[in-house]
């Protein structure tokens, strides 16, 4: 029976061989895809689908504040849990005028 170290060395060798085979097959697949795209005149949108706007801009950006606490200057966008300084009060009083 093989020892742990021998099996580990065999596993590493197999992983290296698998990676070489994968890279060789990737080249064949890429060449096939490129030739078919050229043959049919496909666009990236047809192949990969239309990207959503949020993916183009990256992660969601920060939302501008909508409300301000006049005593401390703390702001709140109106999203998420209400801060204690606005809870139960009329929000119109705290609107930021733009």
C-alpha atoms as a PDB file:
ATOM      1  CA  UNK A   1       0.000   0.000   0.000  1.00  0.00           C
ATOM      2  CA  UNK A   2       1.246   3.473  -0.886  1.00  0.00           C
ATOM      3  CA  UNK A   3       2.085   5.980   1.832  1.00  0.00           C
ATOM      4  CA  UNK A   4       0.380   9.288   2.281  1.00  0.00           C
ATOM      5  CA  UNK A   5       3.313  11.197   0.812  1.00  0.00           C
ATOM      6  CA  UNK A   6       3.417   8.947  -2.262  1.00  0.00           C
ATOM      7  CA  UNK A   7      -0.318   9.381  -2.832  1.00  0.00           C
ATOM      8  CA  UNK A   8       0.009  13.107  -2.363  1.00  0.00           C
ATOM      9  CA  UNK A   9       2.791  13.250  -4.977  1.00  0.00           C
ATOM     10  CA  UNK A  10       0.671  11.194  -7.375  1.00  0.00           C
ATOM     11  CA  UNK A  11      -2.292  13.499  -6.815  1.00  0.00           C
ATOM     12  CA  UNK A  12      -0.128  16.543  -7.546  1.00  0.00           C
ATOM     13  CA  UNK A  13       1.159  14.923 -10.735  1.00  0.00           C
ATOM     14  CA  UNK A  14      -2.384  14.118 -11.831  1.00  0.00           C
ATOM     15  CA  UNK A  15      -3.507  17.688 -11.122  1.00  0.00           C
ATOM     16  CA  UNK A  16      -0.668  19.040 -13.269  1.00  0.00           C
ATOM     17  CA  UNK A  17      -1.548  16.646 -16.097  1.00  0.00           C
ATOM     18  CA  UNK A  18      -5.226  17.582 -15.835  1.00  0.00           C
ATOM     19  CA  UNK A  19      -4.386  21.286 -16.025  1.00  0.00           C
ATOM     20  CA  UNK A  20      -2.239  20.745 -19.135  1.00  0.00           C
ATOM     21  CA  UNK A  21      -5.061  18.766 -20.785  1.00  0.00           C
ATOM     22  CA  UNK A  22      -7.576  21.469 -19.844  1.00  0.00           C
ATOM     23  CA  UNK A  23      -5.420  24.215 -21.349  1.00  0.00           C
ATOM     24  CA  UNK A  24      -4.955  22.213 -24.552  1.00  0.00           C
ATOM     25  CA  UNK A  25      -8.705  21.597 -24.846  1.00  0.00           C
ATOM     26  CA  UNK A  26      -9.504  25.236 -24.106  1.00  0.00           C
ATOM     27  CA  UNK A  27      -7.513  26.307 -27.144  1.00  0.00           C
ATOM     28  CA  UNK A  28      -9.516  23.930 -29.360  1.00  0.00           C
ATOM     29  CA  UNK A  29     -12.816  25.161 -27.908  1.00  0.00           C
ATOM     30  CA  UNK A  30     -11.837  28.834 -28.302  1.00  0.00           C
ATOM     31  CA  UNK A  31     -10.854  28.304 -31.920  1.00  0.00           C
ATOM     32  CA  UNK A  32     -14.165  26.514 -32.586  1.00  0.00           C
ATOM     33  CA  UNK A  33     -16.215  29.263 -30.931  1.00  0.00           C
ATOM     34  CA  UNK A  34     -14.352  32.007 -32.791  1.00  0.00           C
ATOM     35  CA  UNK A  35     -14.873  30.299 -36.141  1.00  0.00           C
ATOM     36  CA  UNK A  36     -18.601  29.820 -35.481  1.00  0.00           C
ATOM     37  CA  UNK A  37     -19.015  33.423 -34.318  1.00  0.00           C
ATOM     38  CA  UNK A  38     -17.305  34.625 -37.495  1.00  0.00           C
ATOM     39  CA  UNK A  39     -19.250  32.182 -39.677  1.00  0.00           C
ATOM     40  CA  UNK A  40     -22.634  33.338 -38.396  1.00  0.00           C
ATOM     41  CA  UNK A  41     -21.696  36.981 -37.728  1.00  0.00           C
ATOM     42  CA  UNK A  42     -22.754  36.818 -34.097  1.00  0.00           C
ATOM     43  CA  UNK A  43     -22.463  39.776 -31.739  1.00  0.00           C
ATOM     44  CA  UNK A  44     -21.331  39.552 -28.096  1.00  0.00           C
ATOM     45  CA  UNK A  45     -24.907  40.320 -26.991  1.00  0.00           C
ATOM     46  CA  UNK A  46     -26.194  37.351 -28.985  1.00  0.00           C
ATOM     47  CA  UNK A  47     -23.584  35.033 -27.530  1.00  0.00           C
ATOM     48  CA  UNK A  48     -23.546  36.208 -23.911  1.00  0.00           C
ATOM     49  CA  UNK A  49     -26.890  37.991 -23.584  1.00  0.00           C
ATOM     50  CA  UNK A  50     -27.519  41.605 -22.770  1.00  0.00           C
ATOM     51  CA  UNK A  51     -25.735  42.919 -19.686  1.00  0.00           C
ATOM     52  CA  UNK A  52     -27.818  44.541 -17.017  1.00  0.00           C
ATOM     53  CA  UNK A  53     -27.128  48.167 -16.198  1.00  0.00           C
ATOM     54  CA  UNK A  54     -25.946  47.324 -12.669  1.00  0.00           C
ATOM     55  CA  UNK A  55     -23.225  45.046 -14.037  1.00  0.00           C
ATOM     56  CA  UNK A  56     -21.879  47.800 -16.264  1.00  0.00           C
ATOM     57  CA  UNK A  57     -21.600  50.282 -13.434  1.00  0.00           C
ATOM     58  CA  UNK A  58     -20.274  47.771 -10.931  1.00  0.00           C
ATOM     59  CA  UNK A  59     -21.677  47.513  -7.450  1.00  0.00           C
ATOM     60  CA  UNK A  60     -24.557  49.712  -6.432  1.00  0.00           C
ATOM     61  CA  UNK A  61     -23.461  53.233  -5.760  1.00  0.00           C
ATOM     62  CA  UNK A  62     -24.295  55.177  -2.663  1.00  0.00           C
ATOM     63  CA  UNK A  63     -27.733  56.788  -2.590  1.00  0.00           C
ATOM     64  CA  UNK A  64     -27.835  60.507  -2.004  1.00  0.00           C
ATOM     65  CA  UNK A  65     -29.249  61.529   1.367  1.00  0.00           C
ATOM     66  CA  UNK A  66     -32.859  62.671   1.371  1.00  0.00           C
ATOM     67  CA  UNK A  67     -33.274  63.675   5.027  1.00  0.00           C
ATOM     68  CA  UNK A  68     -31.066  65.631   7.454  1.00  0.00           C
ATOM     69  CA  UNK A  69     -31.264  65.979  11.216  1.00  0.00           C
ATOM     70  CA  UNK A  70     -31.073  69.752  11.827  1.00  0.00           C
ATOM     71  CA  UNK A  71     -29.534  69.384  15.269  1.00  0.00           C
ATOM     72  CA  UNK A  72     -26.673  67.019  14.405  1.00  0.00           C
ATOM     73  CA  UNK A  73     -26.428  67.203  10.609  1.00  0.00           C
ATOM     74  CA  UNK A  74     -26.798  63.426  10.327  1.00  0.00           C
ATOM     75  CA  UNK A  75     -28.324  62.334   7.034  1.00  0.00           C
ATOM     76  CA  UNK A  76     -30.480  59.416   5.897  1.00  0.00           C
ATOM     77  CA  UNK A  77     -31.282  58.250   2.378  1.00  0.00           C
ATOM     78  CA  UNK A  78     -34.790  57.077   3.205  1.00  0.00           C
ATOM     79  CA  UNK A  79     -33.790  53.448   2.738  1.00  0.00           C
ATOM     80  CA  UNK A  80     -33.472  50.900   5.461  1.00  0.00           C
ATOM     81  CA  UNK A  81     -34.414  51.288   9.104  1.00  0.00           C
ATOM     82  CA  UNK A  82     -35.461  54.751  10.244  1.00  0.00           C
ATOM     83  CA  UNK A  83     -32.925  56.519  12.432  1.00  0.00           C
ATOM     84  CA  UNK A  84     -34.060  57.434  15.922  1.00  0.00           C
ATOM     85  CA  UNK A  85     -34.100  61.174  15.165  1.00  0.00           C
ATOM     86  CA  UNK A  86     -36.826  60.790  12.490  1.00  0.00           C
ATOM     87  CA  UNK A  87     -38.795  57.849  13.865  1.00  0.00           C
ATOM     88  CA  UNK A  88     -42.451  58.724  14.457  1.00  0.00           C
ATOM     89  CA  UNK A  89     -42.057  62.292  13.174  1.00  0.00           C
ATOM     90  CA  UNK A  90     -43.198  63.974   9.969  1.00  0.00           C
ATOM     91  CA  UNK A  91     -40.466  63.399   7.416  1.00  0.00           C
ATOM     92  CA  UNK A  92     -41.280  66.577   5.505  1.00  0.00           C
ATOM     93  CA  UNK A  93     -39.581  68.568   8.290  1.00  0.00           C
ATOM     94  CA  UNK A  94     -36.292  66.799   7.604  1.00  0.00           C
ATOM     95  CA  UNK A  95     -36.265  66.873   3.778  1.00  0.00           C
ATOM     96  CA  UNK A  96     -33.071  68.190   2.240  1.00  0.00           C
ATOM     97  CA  UNK A  97     -33.936  70.986  -0.157  1.00  0.00           C
ATOM     98  CA  UNK A  98     -32.062  70.689  -3.434  1.00  0.00           C
END
